[in-house]
C-alpha cells in the first residue's frame, strides 16, 4: 500500500518554499546589474558635515540625531549600490570644486545636500548627472523656478505610476502602479519638466508630478536651456534609499546605467 503524505506536511512544505523564494527575490533583483558599469567612475555628492557636527554637540535632540543617522545610512547604501554596479566612486560635498568632476563618467547628487550651497555649479556640466535633490532642479535648468508649483516633495508615498515601460529607465517594470518603497510613511520628490523631457513615472494619482524624468543630451529643458549631457531626476528622498523595495532599487540602477550609456 502506498504511503500517503499528510496534507499538513505538504502545506508546510509549500509555505517554506514560498518563504525561501520571497527572501531570495530582493537579492536577485538587486544583483541583476552587478559590475555592469565596470571601468566607469562616479562622483557622489552628499552632505558630510551635519552628522559630524551633531556628534560633537553635547546637547543634541535625539530625534534630530536619529534623522541625521538615517540620512547617512541612506547615502552609504547609495554609494554601495553604485559600487556594486561596478562604478569607481569618488566622494564630494557641497563645497567641492567643480574640478572634482574631471575624469568622471557620472555625477550623482544626493538629497542630503544643502541646495543653496551648490546652486548652479553643475548646470553646464557636460557630464551625465543624476539628481535626487529636488531643490536643485531649477538651478540645473530641469524645471521652472517655483517651489511647490514646478517641483516639490509629497509626503506619505510609496507607489509610482509607470508611464513609459519600454524605456530603459523603467528598468523593465510594467506600466501602471508599482510599489517601490517598503512603507507608506515616506516622502517622494517630483518635478514638472520641460517639453523635451522623457517622463518615466509620476506620483500615484498626480499625473502632472513626474517622479522620474530625464533629458537626452541636447534636449530642451526649462526656458530653452539645452541639456549639456544626459540628465535624470529621481524621486528618492533623504532617508528612502534603505527602504527601497527591489523595484525601487532597480530604478536607481537603471538611472545610473542609462545616464552613462549602459542600457539593459
C-alpha atoms as a PDB file:
ATOM      1  CA  UNK A   1       0.000   0.000   0.000  1.00  0.00           C
ATOM      2  CA  UNK A   2       1.370   3.413  -0.988  1.00  0.00           C
ATOM      3  CA  UNK A   3       2.014   5.654   1.991  1.00  0.00           C
ATOM      4  CA  UNK A   4       0.243   8.995   1.750  1.00  0.00           C
ATOM      5  CA  UNK A   5       1.978  12.150   2.852  1.00  0.00           C
ATOM      6  CA  UNK A   6      -0.180  14.075   5.338  1.00  0.00           C
ATOM      7  CA  UNK A   7      -1.793  17.219   3.941  1.00  0.00           C
ATOM      8  CA  UNK A   8      -0.348  19.317   6.762  1.00  0.00           C
ATOM      9  CA  UNK A   9       3.183  18.305   5.759  1.00  0.00           C
ATOM     10  CA  UNK A  10       2.523  19.229   2.119  1.00  0.00           C
ATOM     11  CA  UNK A  11       1.113  22.611   3.100  1.00  0.00           C
ATOM     12  CA  UNK A  12       4.059  23.262   5.391  1.00  0.00           C
ATOM     13  CA  UNK A  13       6.470  22.442   2.586  1.00  0.00           C
ATOM     14  CA  UNK A  14       4.746  24.901   0.266  1.00  0.00           C
ATOM     15  CA  UNK A  15       4.849  27.613   2.919  1.00  0.00           C
ATOM     16  CA  UNK A  16       8.579  27.012   3.439  1.00  0.00           C
ATOM     17  CA  UNK A  17       9.277  27.117  -0.303  1.00  0.00           C
ATOM     18  CA  UNK A  18       7.302  30.343  -0.702  1.00  0.00           C
ATOM     19  CA  UNK A  19       9.205  31.924   2.173  1.00  0.00           C
ATOM     20  CA  UNK A  20      12.535  30.926   0.614  1.00  0.00           C
ATOM     21  CA  UNK A  21      11.534  32.435  -2.711  1.00  0.00           C
ATOM     22  CA  UNK A  22      10.324  35.635  -1.032  1.00  0.00           C
ATOM     23  CA  UNK A  23      13.607  36.059   0.828  1.00  0.00           C
ATOM     24  CA  UNK A  24      15.687  35.313  -2.254  1.00  0.00           C
ATOM     25  CA  UNK A  25      13.818  37.706  -4.557  1.00  0.00           C
ATOM     26  CA  UNK A  26      15.353  41.004  -3.313  1.00  0.00           C
ATOM     27  CA  UNK A  27      18.872  39.565  -3.525  1.00  0.00           C
ATOM     28  CA  UNK A  28      18.315  38.533  -7.127  1.00  0.00           C
ATOM     29  CA  UNK A  29      16.700  41.840  -8.058  1.00  0.00           C
ATOM     30  CA  UNK A  30      19.443  43.920  -6.510  1.00  0.00           C
ATOM     31  CA  UNK A  31      22.293  41.976  -8.099  1.00  0.00           C
ATOM     32  CA  UNK A  32      20.950  41.878 -11.668  1.00  0.00           C
ATOM     33  CA  UNK A  33      23.376  44.554 -12.868  1.00  0.00           C
ATOM     34  CA  UNK A  34      26.453  43.726 -10.804  1.00  0.00           C
ATOM     35  CA  UNK A  35      29.597  45.146 -12.481  1.00  0.00           C
ATOM     36  CA  UNK A  36      27.588  46.429 -15.460  1.00  0.00           C
ATOM     37  CA  UNK A  37      29.445  49.748 -15.149  1.00  0.00           C
ATOM     38  CA  UNK A  38      32.904  48.294 -14.575  1.00  0.00           C
ATOM     39  CA  UNK A  39      35.521  50.790 -15.731  1.00  0.00           C
ATOM     40  CA  UNK A  40      33.230  53.790 -15.152  1.00  0.00           C
ATOM     41  CA  UNK A  41      33.777  56.471 -12.491  1.00  0.00           C
ATOM     42  CA  UNK A  42      31.091  58.251 -10.472  1.00  0.00           C
ATOM     43  CA  UNK A  43      31.249  61.325  -8.246  1.00  0.00           C
ATOM     44  CA  UNK A  44      28.770  61.071  -5.353  1.00  0.00           C
ATOM     45  CA  UNK A  45      27.900  64.468  -3.881  1.00  0.00           C
ATOM     46  CA  UNK A  46      26.364  64.463  -0.390  1.00  0.00           C
ATOM     47  CA  UNK A  47      26.447  66.314   2.926  1.00  0.00           C
ATOM     48  CA  UNK A  48      29.390  65.330   5.109  1.00  0.00           C
ATOM     49  CA  UNK A  49      29.134  67.893   7.932  1.00  0.00           C
ATOM     50  CA  UNK A  50      25.703  67.876   9.599  1.00  0.00           C
ATOM     51  CA  UNK A  51      26.072  64.474  11.225  1.00  0.00           C
ATOM     52  CA  UNK A  52      29.675  65.065  12.284  1.00  0.00           C
ATOM     53  CA  UNK A  53      28.787  68.396  13.888  1.00  0.00           C
ATOM     54  CA  UNK A  54      25.822  66.855  15.692  1.00  0.00           C
ATOM     55  CA  UNK A  55      28.009  64.098  17.102  1.00  0.00           C
ATOM     56  CA  UNK A  56      30.294  66.749  18.597  1.00  0.00           C
ATOM     57  CA  UNK A  57      27.432  68.688  20.161  1.00  0.00           C
ATOM     58  CA  UNK A  58      26.735  67.952  23.808  1.00  0.00           C
ATOM     59  CA  UNK A  59      23.065  68.981  23.749  1.00  0.00           C
ATOM     60  CA  UNK A  60      21.578  67.407  20.645  1.00  0.00           C
ATOM     61  CA  UNK A  61      17.967  66.430  20.045  1.00  0.00           C
ATOM     62  CA  UNK A  62      17.806  62.592  19.937  1.00  0.00           C
ATOM     63  CA  UNK A  63      15.214  62.749  17.160  1.00  0.00           C
ATOM     64  CA  UNK A  64      17.436  65.020  15.104  1.00  0.00           C
ATOM     65  CA  UNK A  65      20.403  62.722  15.669  1.00  0.00           C
ATOM     66  CA  UNK A  66      18.370  59.696  14.590  1.00  0.00           C
ATOM     67  CA  UNK A  67      17.284  61.584  11.475  1.00  0.00           C
ATOM     68  CA  UNK A  68      20.845  62.509  10.555  1.00  0.00           C
ATOM     69  CA  UNK A  69      21.996  58.937  11.152  1.00  0.00           C
ATOM     70  CA  UNK A  70      19.238  57.652   8.862  1.00  0.00           C
ATOM     71  CA  UNK A  71      20.259  60.098   6.149  1.00  0.00           C
ATOM     72  CA  UNK A  72      23.869  58.997   6.393  1.00  0.00           C
ATOM     73  CA  UNK A  73      22.890  55.328   6.231  1.00  0.00           C
ATOM     74  CA  UNK A  74      20.897  56.085   3.079  1.00  0.00           C
ATOM     75  CA  UNK A  75      23.905  57.806   1.499  1.00  0.00           C
ATOM     76  CA  UNK A  76      26.167  54.901   2.408  1.00  0.00           C
ATOM     77  CA  UNK A  77      23.671  52.471   0.876  1.00  0.00           C
ATOM     78  CA  UNK A  78      23.526  54.510  -2.336  1.00  0.00           C
ATOM     79  CA  UNK A  79      27.318  54.607  -2.542  1.00  0.00           C
ATOM     80  CA  UNK A  80      27.469  50.845  -2.025  1.00  0.00           C
ATOM     81  CA  UNK A  81      24.851  50.397  -4.753  1.00  0.00           C
ATOM     82  CA  UNK A  82      26.960  52.365  -7.225  1.00  0.00           C
ATOM     83  CA  UNK A  83      29.990  50.289  -6.292  1.00  0.00           C
ATOM     84  CA  UNK A  84      28.023  47.079  -6.806  1.00  0.00           C
ATOM     85  CA  UNK A  85      27.211  48.285 -10.312  1.00  0.00           C
ATOM     86  CA  UNK A  86      30.948  48.487 -10.958  1.00  0.00           C
ATOM     87  CA  UNK A  87      31.441  52.244 -10.602  1.00  0.00           C
ATOM     88  CA  UNK A  88      34.617  53.545  -9.012  1.00  0.00           C
ATOM     89  CA  UNK A  89      33.081  56.060  -6.602  1.00  0.00           C
ATOM     90  CA  UNK A  90      34.673  59.332  -5.507  1.00  0.00           C
ATOM     91  CA  UNK A  91      33.054  61.274  -2.656  1.00  0.00           C
ATOM     92  CA  UNK A  92      32.390  65.006  -2.675  1.00  0.00           C
ATOM     93  CA  UNK A  93      30.256  67.538  -0.802  1.00  0.00           C
ATOM     94  CA  UNK A  94      28.610  70.874  -1.478  1.00  0.00           C
ATOM     95  CA  UNK A  95      31.916  72.741  -1.191  1.00  0.00           C
ATOM     96  CA  UNK A  96      33.938  70.524  -3.522  1.00  0.00           C
ATOM     97  CA  UNK A  97      35.323  72.425  -6.503  1.00  0.00           C
ATOM     98  CA  UNK A  98      33.887  71.817  -9.949  1.00  0.00           C
ATOM     99  CA  UNK A  99      37.296  70.410 -10.912  1.00  0.00           C
ATOM    100  CA  UNK A 100      36.478  67.275  -8.900  1.00  0.00           C
ATOM    101  CA  UNK A 101      34.221  66.234 -11.787  1.00  0.00           C
ATOM    102  CA  UNK A 102      37.189  65.885 -14.148  1.00  0.00           C
ATOM    103  CA  UNK A 103      37.651  62.328 -15.328  1.00  0.00           C
ATOM    104  CA  UNK A 104      34.240  61.286 -14.014  1.00  0.00           C
ATOM    105  CA  UNK A 105      31.668  59.499 -16.150  1.00  0.00           C
ATOM    106  CA  UNK A 106      28.749  60.337 -13.868  1.00  0.00           C
ATOM    107  CA  UNK A 107      27.799  62.833 -11.167  1.00  0.00           C
ATOM    108  CA  UNK A 108      25.103  61.797  -8.713  1.00  0.00           C
ATOM    109  CA  UNK A 109      23.716  64.360  -6.263  1.00  0.00           C
ATOM    110  CA  UNK A 110      22.166  63.125  -3.012  1.00  0.00           C
ATOM    111  CA  UNK A 111      19.062  64.637  -1.457  1.00  0.00           C
ATOM    112  CA  UNK A 112      21.112  65.220   1.703  1.00  0.00           C
ATOM    113  CA  UNK A 113      22.989  68.194   0.235  1.00  0.00           C
ATOM    114  CA  UNK A 114      22.209  71.826   1.009  1.00  0.00           C
ATOM    115  CA  UNK A 115      20.965  73.035  -2.363  1.00  0.00           C
ATOM    116  CA  UNK A 116      21.840  76.667  -1.640  1.00  0.00           C
ATOM    117  CA  UNK A 117      25.491  75.683  -1.202  1.00  0.00           C
ATOM    118  CA  UNK A 118      25.561  74.129  -4.684  1.00  0.00           C
ATOM    119  CA  UNK A 119      23.358  76.467  -6.690  1.00  0.00           C
ATOM    120  CA  UNK A 120      24.094  76.410 -10.415  1.00  0.00           C
ATOM    121  CA  UNK A 121      27.537  74.826 -10.077  1.00  0.00           C
ATOM    122  CA  UNK A 122      26.653  71.758 -12.167  1.00  0.00           C
ATOM    123  CA  UNK A 123      24.173  73.406 -14.570  1.00  0.00           C
ATOM    124  CA  UNK A 124      26.502  73.482 -17.577  1.00  0.00           C
ATOM    125  CA  UNK A 125      28.489  70.363 -16.737  1.00  0.00           C
ATOM    126  CA  UNK A 126      28.957  68.251 -19.872  1.00  0.00           C
ATOM    127  CA  UNK A 127      28.931  65.020 -17.829  1.00  0.00           C
ATOM    128  CA  UNK A 128      25.821  62.860 -17.252  1.00  0.00           C
ATOM    129  CA  UNK A 129      24.114  63.746 -13.981  1.00  0.00           C
ATOM    130  CA  UNK A 130      21.541  62.031 -11.762  1.00  0.00           C
ATOM    131  CA  UNK A 131      19.834  64.375  -9.305  1.00  0.00           C
ATOM    132  CA  UNK A 132      17.929  63.317  -6.192  1.00  0.00           C
ATOM    133  CA  UNK A 133      17.713  66.838  -4.685  1.00  0.00           C
ATOM    134  CA  UNK A 134      14.521  68.445  -5.955  1.00  0.00           C
ATOM    135  CA  UNK A 135      15.585  71.895  -4.727  1.00  0.00           C
ATOM    136  CA  UNK A 136      18.329  71.796  -7.376  1.00  0.00           C
ATOM    137  CA  UNK A 137      16.059  71.053 -10.330  1.00  0.00           C
ATOM    138  CA  UNK A 138      15.556  74.725 -11.163  1.00  0.00           C
ATOM    139  CA  UNK A 139      19.276  75.534 -10.767  1.00  0.00           C
ATOM    140  CA  UNK A 140      20.067  72.661 -13.123  1.00  0.00           C
ATOM    141  CA  UNK A 141      17.614  74.041 -15.679  1.00  0.00           C
ATOM    142  CA  UNK A 142      15.477  70.896 -15.455  1.00  0.00           C
ATOM    143  CA  UNK A 143      12.273  72.587 -14.220  1.00  0.00           C
ATOM    144  CA  UNK A 144      10.862  76.017 -13.546  1.00  0.00           C
ATOM    145  CA  UNK A 145      11.790  78.115 -10.519  1.00  0.00           C
ATOM    146  CA  UNK A 146       8.724  77.927  -8.242  1.00  0.00           C
ATOM    147  CA  UNK A 147       8.879  75.508  -5.298  1.00  0.00           C
ATOM    148  CA  UNK A 148       5.534  73.764  -4.882  1.00  0.00           C
ATOM    149  CA  UNK A 149       4.494  74.535  -8.431  1.00  0.00           C
ATOM    150  CA  UNK A 150       7.397  73.428 -10.638  1.00  0.00           C
ATOM    151  CA  UNK A 151       8.990  70.986  -8.192  1.00  0.00           C
ATOM    152  CA  UNK A 152       8.413  69.753  -4.679  1.00  0.00           C
ATOM    153  CA  UNK A 153       8.095  66.900  -2.202  1.00  0.00           C
ATOM    154  CA  UNK A 154       4.940  64.961  -1.259  1.00  0.00           C
ATOM    155  CA  UNK A 155       4.558  63.020   1.983  1.00  0.00           C
ATOM    156  CA  UNK A 156       3.119  59.549   2.674  1.00  0.00           C
ATOM    157  CA  UNK A 157       4.216  58.000  -0.614  1.00  0.00           C
ATOM    158  CA  UNK A 158       5.250  54.505  -1.648  1.00  0.00           C
ATOM    159  CA  UNK A 159       3.784  53.978  -5.143  1.00  0.00           C
ATOM    160  CA  UNK A 160       4.856  55.162  -8.572  1.00  0.00           C
ATOM    161  CA  UNK A 161       2.737  55.247 -11.710  1.00  0.00           C
ATOM    162  CA  UNK A 162       4.946  53.936 -14.515  1.00  0.00           C
ATOM    163  CA  UNK A 163       4.053  55.628 -17.813  1.00  0.00           C
ATOM    164  CA  UNK A 164       6.912  54.708 -20.150  1.00  0.00           C
ATOM    165  CA  UNK A 165       7.513  50.980 -19.728  1.00  0.00           C
ATOM    166  CA  UNK A 166       9.505  50.446 -22.980  1.00  0.00           C
ATOM    167  CA  UNK A 167      12.211  52.925 -21.961  1.00  0.00           C
ATOM    168  CA  UNK A 168      15.380  51.552 -20.289  1.00  0.00           C
ATOM    169  CA  UNK A 169      14.880  53.952 -17.368  1.00  0.00           C
ATOM    170  CA  UNK A 170      11.745  51.977 -16.459  1.00  0.00           C
ATOM    171  CA  UNK A 171      14.032  49.056 -15.517  1.00  0.00           C
ATOM    172  CA  UNK A 172      11.692  46.534 -17.111  1.00  0.00           C
ATOM    173  CA  UNK A 173       8.825  47.359 -14.749  1.00  0.00           C
ATOM    174  CA  UNK A 174       5.342  47.097 -16.209  1.00  0.00           C
ATOM    175  CA  UNK A 175       3.192  50.129 -16.889  1.00  0.00           C
ATOM    176  CA  UNK A 176       0.844  51.157 -14.107  1.00  0.00           C
ATOM    177  CA  UNK A 177       1.218  51.138 -10.336  1.00  0.00           C
ATOM    178  CA  UNK A 178       4.497  49.905  -8.851  1.00  0.00           C
ATOM    179  CA  UNK A 179       5.219  49.619  -5.133  1.00  0.00           C
ATOM    180  CA  UNK A 180       8.787  50.923  -4.761  1.00  0.00           C
ATOM    181  CA  UNK A 181       9.144  51.680  -1.012  1.00  0.00           C
ATOM    182  CA  UNK A 182       8.545  49.289   1.882  1.00  0.00           C
ATOM    183  CA  UNK A 183       6.300  51.677   3.846  1.00  0.00           C
ATOM    184  CA  UNK A 184       3.846  54.450   3.023  1.00  0.00           C
ATOM    185  CA  UNK A 185       5.247  56.980   5.505  1.00  0.00           C
ATOM    186  CA  UNK A 186       7.982  58.367   3.261  1.00  0.00           C
ATOM    187  CA  UNK A 187       8.434  61.396   1.054  1.00  0.00           C
ATOM    188  CA  UNK A 188       8.931  61.483  -2.699  1.00  0.00           C
ATOM    189  CA  UNK A 189      10.425  64.244  -4.811  1.00  0.00           C
ATOM    190  CA  UNK A 190       8.797  65.369  -8.038  1.00  0.00           C
ATOM    191  CA  UNK A 191       9.186  67.948 -10.768  1.00  0.00           C
ATOM    192  CA  UNK A 192       7.340  69.321 -13.773  1.00  0.00           C
ATOM    193  CA  UNK A 193       9.893  69.006 -16.580  1.00  0.00           C
ATOM    194  CA  UNK A 194      10.163  70.858 -19.859  1.00  0.00           C
ATOM    195  CA  UNK A 195       8.721  69.699 -23.173  1.00  0.00           C
ATOM    196  CA  UNK A 196      11.948  67.952 -24.160  1.00  0.00           C
ATOM    197  CA  UNK A 197      11.835  65.578 -21.185  1.00  0.00           C
ATOM    198  CA  UNK A 198      11.329  61.833 -21.109  1.00  0.00           C
ATOM    199  CA  UNK A 199       8.791  61.141 -18.354  1.00  0.00           C
ATOM    200  CA  UNK A 200       9.146  57.685 -16.845  1.00  0.00           C
ATOM    201  CA  UNK A 201       6.950  57.734 -13.745  1.00  0.00           C
ATOM    202  CA  UNK A 202       4.637  60.047 -11.829  1.00  0.00           C
ATOM    203  CA  UNK A 203       3.315  60.101  -8.297  1.00  0.00           C
ATOM    204  CA  UNK A 204       0.234  57.938  -7.852  1.00  0.00           C
ATOM    205  CA  UNK A 205      -2.849  59.973  -8.677  1.00  0.00           C
ATOM    206  CA  UNK A 206      -0.717  63.013  -9.632  1.00  0.00           C
ATOM    207  CA  UNK A 207      -0.037  62.740 -13.380  1.00  0.00           C
ATOM    208  CA  UNK A 208       1.457  66.239 -13.532  1.00  0.00           C
ATOM    209  CA  UNK A 209       4.115  65.414 -10.904  1.00  0.00           C
ATOM    210  CA  UNK A 210       6.956  63.476 -12.527  1.00  0.00           C
ATOM    211  CA  UNK A 211       8.817  61.300 -10.025  1.00  0.00           C
ATOM    212  CA  UNK A 212      11.327  60.108 -12.624  1.00  0.00           C
ATOM    213  CA  UNK A 213      12.152  62.111 -15.730  1.00  0.00           C
ATOM    214  CA  UNK A 214      15.186  62.625 -17.914  1.00  0.00           C
ATOM    215  CA  UNK A 215      16.690  64.604 -20.758  1.00  0.00           C
ATOM    216  CA  UNK A 216      18.843  63.351 -23.586  1.00  0.00           C
ATOM    217  CA  UNK A 217      21.929  65.377 -24.422  1.00  0.00           C
ATOM    218  CA  UNK A 218      20.822  68.392 -26.441  1.00  0.00           C
ATOM    219  CA  UNK A 219      17.159  68.138 -25.397  1.00  0.00           C
ATOM    220  CA  UNK A 220      15.321  71.317 -24.463  1.00  0.00           C
ATOM    221  CA  UNK A 221      14.888  71.671 -20.729  1.00  0.00           C
ATOM    222  CA  UNK A 222      13.366  74.704 -18.976  1.00  0.00           C
ATOM    223  CA  UNK A 223      13.496  78.185 -20.583  1.00  0.00           C
ATOM    224  CA  UNK A 224      15.078  76.767 -23.749  1.00  0.00           C
ATOM    225  CA  UNK A 225      18.098  75.515 -21.806  1.00  0.00           C
ATOM    226  CA  UNK A 226      19.706  72.627 -23.699  1.00  0.00           C
ATOM    227  CA  UNK A 227      20.869  69.625 -21.715  1.00  0.00           C
ATOM    228  CA  UNK A 228      24.699  69.600 -21.887  1.00  0.00           C
ATOM    229  CA  UNK A 229      24.653  65.825 -21.218  1.00  0.00           C
ATOM    230  CA  UNK A 230      22.116  63.280 -20.076  1.00  0.00           C
ATOM    231  CA  UNK A 231      20.143  64.398 -17.012  1.00  0.00           C
ATOM    232  CA  UNK A 232      17.941  62.289 -14.723  1.00  0.00           C
ATOM    233  CA  UNK A 233      15.736  63.318 -11.808  1.00  0.00           C
ATOM    234  CA  UNK A 234      14.884  60.625  -9.247  1.00  0.00           C
ATOM    235  CA  UNK A 235      12.171  60.568  -6.574  1.00  0.00           C
ATOM    236  CA  UNK A 236      14.460  59.274  -3.803  1.00  0.00           C
ATOM    237  CA  UNK A 237      14.251  61.481  -0.696  1.00  0.00           C
ATOM    238  CA  UNK A 238      16.899  61.662   2.065  1.00  0.00           C
ATOM    239  CA  UNK A 239      16.069  58.557   4.116  1.00  0.00           C
ATOM    240  CA  UNK A 240      14.383  56.478   1.416  1.00  0.00           C
ATOM    241  CA  UNK A 241      17.253  54.524  -0.110  1.00  0.00           C
ATOM    242  CA  UNK A 242      17.484  51.965   2.709  1.00  0.00           C
ATOM    243  CA  UNK A 243      13.735  51.384   2.359  1.00  0.00           C
ATOM    244  CA  UNK A 244      13.610  50.792  -1.381  1.00  0.00           C
ATOM    245  CA  UNK A 245      11.924  47.607  -2.480  1.00  0.00           C
ATOM    246  CA  UNK A 246      13.634  45.662  -5.295  1.00  0.00           C
ATOM    247  CA  UNK A 247      11.517  47.608  -7.780  1.00  0.00           C
ATOM    248  CA  UNK A 248      12.799  50.909  -6.408  1.00  0.00           C
ATOM    249  CA  UNK A 249      16.389  49.729  -6.350  1.00  0.00           C
ATOM    250  CA  UNK A 250      16.122  48.594  -9.969  1.00  0.00           C
ATOM    251  CA  UNK A 251      15.006  52.102 -10.942  1.00  0.00           C
ATOM    252  CA  UNK A 252      18.069  53.605  -9.234  1.00  0.00           C
ATOM    253  CA  UNK A 253      20.330  51.156 -11.056  1.00  0.00           C
ATOM    254  CA  UNK A 254      18.638  51.907 -14.373  1.00  0.00           C
ATOM    255  CA  UNK A 255      19.081  55.668 -13.876  1.00  0.00           C
ATOM    256  CA  UNK A 256      22.803  55.399 -13.177  1.00  0.00           C
ATOM    257  CA  UNK A 257      23.430  52.988 -16.046  1.00  0.00           C
ATOM    258  CA  UNK A 258      21.293  54.837 -18.615  1.00  0.00           C
ATOM    259  CA  UNK A 259      22.964  58.139 -17.754  1.00  0.00           C
ATOM    260  CA  UNK A 260      26.354  56.745 -18.769  1.00  0.00           C
ATOM    261  CA  UNK A 261      25.001  54.985 -21.852  1.00  0.00           C
ATOM    262  CA  UNK A 262      24.517  51.463 -20.490  1.00  0.00           C
ATOM    263  CA  UNK A 263      21.020  50.099 -21.068  1.00  0.00           C
ATOM    264  CA  UNK A 264      19.987  46.606 -20.064  1.00  0.00           C
END
